[in-house]
Amino acid sequence: MLVNSRKNVTLVCVCDAVTTDIEEQLGTVNCAAVYGLYDYAAHNADELSFQTGDEILILCKGDDFEKDWWWASLQQKEGYIPRNYIGVSKEY
């Protein structure tokens, strides 16, 4: 039970800031660099191929309907990438 609603608001703000900081560190926010953990060959024209160790720039992570494919950029090309093929470190 919360006694002071003002403390609750402060706590929510602190939690949001921590969550955002973690997302930035994990490369899960837009315009964050991530790395290919595995080679991926595009299956469709709107997908982006990449290799293990490639640095990929996340332009837009998934939305409410599609959480597993993110829009990204690599070597002046853009396309969807599967998020389970990327990581935050070149070391895997």
N, C-alpha and C. Protein backbone atom coordinates (compact mmCIF):
# COMPACT_ATOMS: atom_id res chain seq x y z
N MET A 1 0.84 -1.18 0.00
CA MET A 1 0.00 0.00 0.00
C MET A 1 0.88 1.24 0.00
N LEU A 2 0.59 2.18 -0.90
CA LEU A 2 1.36 3.41 -0.99
C LEU A 2 0.73 4.48 -0.13
N VAL A 3 1.54 5.08 0.72
CA VAL A 3 1.05 6.13 1.60
C VAL A 3 1.12 7.47 0.90
N ASN A 4 2.18 7.71 0.17
CA ASN A 4 2.39 9.00 -0.47
C ASN A 4 2.46 8.80 -1.99
N SER A 5 1.46 9.29 -2.68
CA SER A 5 1.42 9.10 -4.13
C SER A 5 2.57 9.85 -4.81
N ARG A 6 3.07 10.91 -4.20
CA ARG A 6 4.17 11.66 -4.79
C ARG A 6 5.43 10.79 -4.84
N LYS A 7 5.68 10.00 -3.81
CA LYS A 7 6.80 9.07 -3.83
C LYS A 7 6.63 8.04 -4.94
N ASN A 8 5.41 7.61 -5.17
CA ASN A 8 5.14 6.66 -6.23
C ASN A 8 5.54 7.24 -7.58
N VAL A 9 5.19 8.47 -7.85
CA VAL A 9 5.53 9.12 -9.11
C VAL A 9 7.04 9.19 -9.26
N THR A 10 7.74 9.56 -8.20
CA THR A 10 9.19 9.62 -8.24
C THR A 10 9.77 8.25 -8.54
N LEU A 11 9.24 7.22 -7.89
CA LEU A 11 9.72 5.88 -8.10
C LEU A 11 9.52 5.44 -9.55
N VAL A 12 8.37 5.74 -10.12
CA VAL A 12 8.10 5.40 -11.51
C VAL A 12 9.10 6.09 -12.42
N CYS A 13 9.39 7.36 -12.18
CA CYS A 13 10.36 8.09 -13.00
C CYS A 13 11.74 7.47 -12.90
N VAL A 14 12.14 7.11 -11.70
CA VAL A 14 13.45 6.47 -11.52
C VAL A 14 13.49 5.14 -12.24
N CYS A 15 12.43 4.35 -12.13
CA CYS A 15 12.39 3.06 -12.82
C CYS A 15 12.45 3.24 -14.33
N ASP A 16 11.72 4.21 -14.87
CA ASP A 16 11.76 4.49 -16.30
C ASP A 16 13.16 4.86 -16.74
N ALA A 17 13.85 5.67 -15.95
CA ALA A 17 15.21 6.09 -16.29
C ALA A 17 16.15 4.89 -16.28
N VAL A 18 16.01 4.01 -15.29
CA VAL A 18 16.86 2.82 -15.21
C VAL A 18 16.56 1.89 -16.39
N THR A 19 15.29 1.69 -16.69
CA THR A 19 14.90 0.84 -17.81
C THR A 19 15.46 1.38 -19.12
N THR A 20 15.34 2.68 -19.35
CA THR A 20 15.87 3.29 -20.56
C THR A 20 17.37 3.12 -20.63
N ASP A 21 18.06 3.30 -19.52
CA ASP A 21 19.51 3.15 -19.48
C ASP A 21 19.90 1.71 -19.83
N ILE A 22 19.18 0.74 -19.30
CA ILE A 22 19.46 -0.66 -19.60
C ILE A 22 19.21 -0.94 -21.08
N GLU A 23 18.10 -0.43 -21.62
CA GLU A 23 17.81 -0.63 -23.03
C GLU A 23 18.91 -0.05 -23.91
N GLU A 24 19.41 1.14 -23.55
CA GLU A 24 20.49 1.73 -24.32
C GLU A 24 21.73 0.85 -24.27
N GLN A 25 22.06 0.33 -23.11
CA GLN A 25 23.24 -0.52 -22.98
C GLN A 25 23.07 -1.83 -23.75
N LEU A 26 21.87 -2.32 -23.83
CA LEU A 26 21.62 -3.56 -24.54
C LEU A 26 21.43 -3.36 -26.05
N GLY A 27 21.43 -2.11 -26.49
CA GLY A 27 21.24 -1.86 -27.91
C GLY A 27 19.83 -2.08 -28.36
N THR A 28 18.88 -1.94 -27.46
CA THR A 28 17.49 -2.20 -27.81
C THR A 28 16.67 -0.93 -27.99
N VAL A 29 17.34 0.18 -28.12
CA VAL A 29 16.63 1.42 -28.44
C VAL A 29 17.02 1.82 -29.85
N ASN A 30 16.23 2.66 -30.46
CA ASN A 30 16.51 3.12 -31.81
C ASN A 30 17.86 3.83 -31.86
N CYS A 31 18.53 3.70 -32.97
CA CYS A 31 19.84 4.32 -33.23
C CYS A 31 20.93 3.77 -32.32
N ALA A 32 20.84 2.52 -31.94
CA ALA A 32 21.87 1.87 -31.14
C ALA A 32 22.60 0.85 -32.00
N ALA A 33 23.88 0.68 -31.77
CA ALA A 33 24.67 -0.30 -32.51
C ALA A 33 24.60 -1.65 -31.82
N VAL A 34 24.40 -2.68 -32.62
CA VAL A 34 24.44 -4.06 -32.15
C VAL A 34 25.34 -4.83 -33.11
N TYR A 35 25.55 -6.10 -32.82
CA TYR A 35 26.45 -6.90 -33.64
C TYR A 35 25.79 -8.21 -34.03
N GLY A 36 26.11 -8.68 -35.23
CA GLY A 36 25.61 -9.97 -35.67
C GLY A 36 26.23 -11.10 -34.87
N LEU A 37 25.40 -11.93 -34.26
CA LEU A 37 25.90 -13.09 -33.53
C LEU A 37 26.07 -14.30 -34.45
N TYR A 38 25.30 -14.32 -35.53
CA TYR A 38 25.32 -15.40 -36.50
C TYR A 38 25.20 -14.78 -37.89
N ASP A 39 25.59 -15.51 -38.91
CA ASP A 39 25.34 -15.07 -40.29
C ASP A 39 23.84 -15.15 -40.54
N TYR A 40 23.33 -14.17 -41.28
CA TYR A 40 21.92 -14.21 -41.67
C TYR A 40 21.80 -13.81 -43.13
N ALA A 41 21.20 -14.68 -43.93
CA ALA A 41 20.95 -14.39 -45.34
C ALA A 41 19.49 -13.99 -45.50
N ALA A 42 19.28 -12.82 -46.07
CA ALA A 42 17.92 -12.30 -46.25
C ALA A 42 17.09 -13.27 -47.10
N HIS A 43 15.85 -13.46 -46.70
CA HIS A 43 14.93 -14.33 -47.42
C HIS A 43 13.94 -13.52 -48.26
N ASN A 44 13.78 -12.24 -47.92
CA ASN A 44 12.85 -11.36 -48.64
C ASN A 44 13.56 -10.06 -48.99
N ALA A 45 13.01 -9.33 -49.94
CA ALA A 45 13.63 -8.09 -50.42
C ALA A 45 13.73 -7.02 -49.34
N ASP A 46 12.84 -7.06 -48.33
CA ASP A 46 12.86 -6.04 -47.28
C ASP A 46 13.72 -6.44 -46.08
N GLU A 47 14.47 -7.52 -46.18
CA GLU A 47 15.35 -7.97 -45.10
C GLU A 47 16.80 -7.60 -45.41
N LEU A 48 17.61 -7.58 -44.37
CA LEU A 48 19.01 -7.19 -44.47
C LEU A 48 19.90 -8.39 -44.15
N SER A 49 20.81 -8.74 -45.05
CA SER A 49 21.77 -9.81 -44.78
C SER A 49 22.92 -9.25 -43.97
N PHE A 50 23.48 -10.08 -43.08
CA PHE A 50 24.66 -9.67 -42.33
C PHE A 50 25.44 -10.90 -41.91
N GLN A 51 26.66 -10.65 -41.45
CA GLN A 51 27.54 -11.73 -41.03
C GLN A 51 27.88 -11.60 -39.56
N THR A 52 28.36 -12.67 -38.98
CA THR A 52 28.81 -12.66 -37.60
C THR A 52 29.82 -11.55 -37.39
N GLY A 53 29.60 -10.71 -36.37
CA GLY A 53 30.52 -9.62 -36.06
C GLY A 53 30.23 -8.30 -36.74
N ASP A 54 29.33 -8.27 -37.74
CA ASP A 54 28.97 -7.01 -38.39
C ASP A 54 28.34 -6.05 -37.39
N GLU A 55 28.73 -4.78 -37.44
CA GLU A 55 28.09 -3.77 -36.61
C GLU A 55 26.87 -3.25 -37.35
N ILE A 56 25.72 -3.34 -36.71
CA ILE A 56 24.44 -3.00 -37.31
C ILE A 56 23.80 -1.89 -36.50
N LEU A 57 23.26 -0.89 -37.17
CA LEU A 57 22.60 0.22 -36.50
C LEU A 57 21.09 -0.03 -36.47
N ILE A 58 20.51 -0.09 -35.28
CA ILE A 58 19.06 -0.26 -35.13
C ILE A 58 18.39 1.08 -35.40
N LEU A 59 17.52 1.13 -36.39
CA LEU A 59 16.80 2.36 -36.72
C LEU A 59 15.42 2.39 -36.07
N CYS A 60 14.81 1.23 -35.96
CA CYS A 60 13.48 1.16 -35.35
C CYS A 60 13.25 -0.27 -34.85
N LYS A 61 13.08 -0.39 -33.53
CA LYS A 61 12.81 -1.74 -33.03
C LYS A 61 11.34 -2.07 -33.28
N GLY A 62 10.97 -3.30 -33.01
CA GLY A 62 9.62 -3.76 -33.30
C GLY A 62 8.52 -2.89 -32.72
N ASP A 63 7.33 -3.11 -33.21
CA ASP A 63 6.17 -2.36 -32.72
C ASP A 63 5.26 -3.32 -31.94
N ASP A 64 4.04 -2.90 -31.68
CA ASP A 64 3.11 -3.72 -30.90
C ASP A 64 2.76 -5.04 -31.58
N PHE A 65 2.85 -5.06 -32.92
CA PHE A 65 2.46 -6.26 -33.67
C PHE A 65 3.65 -7.15 -34.02
N GLU A 66 4.81 -6.54 -34.23
CA GLU A 66 5.99 -7.30 -34.64
C GLU A 66 7.17 -6.96 -33.74
N LYS A 67 7.47 -7.85 -32.82
CA LYS A 67 8.55 -7.59 -31.87
C LYS A 67 9.85 -8.31 -32.24
N ASP A 68 9.79 -9.28 -33.14
CA ASP A 68 10.95 -10.10 -33.45
C ASP A 68 11.78 -9.61 -34.63
N TRP A 69 11.29 -8.64 -35.38
CA TRP A 69 12.00 -8.10 -36.53
C TRP A 69 12.18 -6.61 -36.36
N TRP A 70 13.42 -6.15 -36.45
CA TRP A 70 13.73 -4.73 -36.28
C TRP A 70 14.28 -4.16 -37.57
N TRP A 71 13.99 -2.88 -37.83
CA TRP A 71 14.49 -2.18 -39.01
C TRP A 71 15.89 -1.67 -38.69
N ALA A 72 16.84 -1.97 -39.56
CA ALA A 72 18.22 -1.65 -39.26
C ALA A 72 18.98 -1.21 -40.51
N SER A 73 20.19 -0.73 -40.28
CA SER A 73 21.05 -0.25 -41.36
C SER A 73 22.43 -0.91 -41.26
N LEU A 74 22.97 -1.29 -42.41
CA LEU A 74 24.31 -1.87 -42.49
C LEU A 74 24.89 -1.53 -43.85
N GLN A 75 26.05 -0.90 -43.86
CA GLN A 75 26.75 -0.56 -45.10
C GLN A 75 25.83 0.16 -46.09
N GLN A 76 25.16 1.17 -45.62
CA GLN A 76 24.28 2.04 -46.42
C GLN A 76 23.07 1.32 -47.02
N LYS A 77 22.72 0.18 -46.44
CA LYS A 77 21.51 -0.53 -46.82
C LYS A 77 20.62 -0.63 -45.60
N GLU A 78 19.31 -0.70 -45.82
CA GLU A 78 18.36 -0.82 -44.72
C GLU A 78 17.45 -2.02 -44.96
N GLY A 79 16.99 -2.61 -43.87
CA GLY A 79 16.06 -3.71 -43.97
C GLY A 79 15.76 -4.29 -42.60
N TYR A 80 14.87 -5.27 -42.60
CA TYR A 80 14.51 -5.94 -41.35
C TYR A 80 15.57 -6.97 -41.00
N ILE A 81 15.82 -7.11 -39.69
CA ILE A 81 16.72 -8.14 -39.18
C ILE A 81 16.02 -8.89 -38.05
N PRO A 82 16.32 -10.17 -37.89
CA PRO A 82 15.74 -10.91 -36.77
C PRO A 82 16.50 -10.57 -35.49
N ARG A 83 15.80 -10.12 -34.48
CA ARG A 83 16.47 -9.65 -33.27
C ARG A 83 17.19 -10.76 -32.52
N ASN A 84 16.81 -12.01 -32.72
CA ASN A 84 17.49 -13.11 -32.02
C ASN A 84 18.83 -13.48 -32.67
N TYR A 85 19.22 -12.78 -33.74
CA TYR A 85 20.51 -13.00 -34.39
C TYR A 85 21.51 -11.91 -34.03
N ILE A 86 21.15 -10.99 -33.14
CA ILE A 86 22.03 -9.87 -32.82
C ILE A 86 22.33 -9.83 -31.33
N GLY A 87 23.42 -9.16 -30.97
CA GLY A 87 23.80 -9.02 -29.58
C GLY A 87 24.48 -7.68 -29.37
N VAL A 88 24.85 -7.40 -28.14
CA VAL A 88 25.43 -6.10 -27.81
C VAL A 88 26.96 -6.11 -27.81
N SER A 89 27.54 -7.25 -28.11
CA SER A 89 28.99 -7.36 -28.09
C SER A 89 29.47 -8.17 -29.28
N LYS A 90 30.65 -7.85 -29.79
CA LYS A 90 31.25 -8.64 -30.87
C LYS A 90 31.69 -10.01 -30.36
N GLU A 91 31.91 -10.08 -29.06
CA GLU A 91 32.36 -11.34 -28.46
C GLU A 91 31.15 -12.21 -28.17
N TYR A 92 31.16 -13.38 -28.69
CA TYR A 92 30.00 -14.26 -28.57
C TYR A 92 30.38 -15.61 -28.06
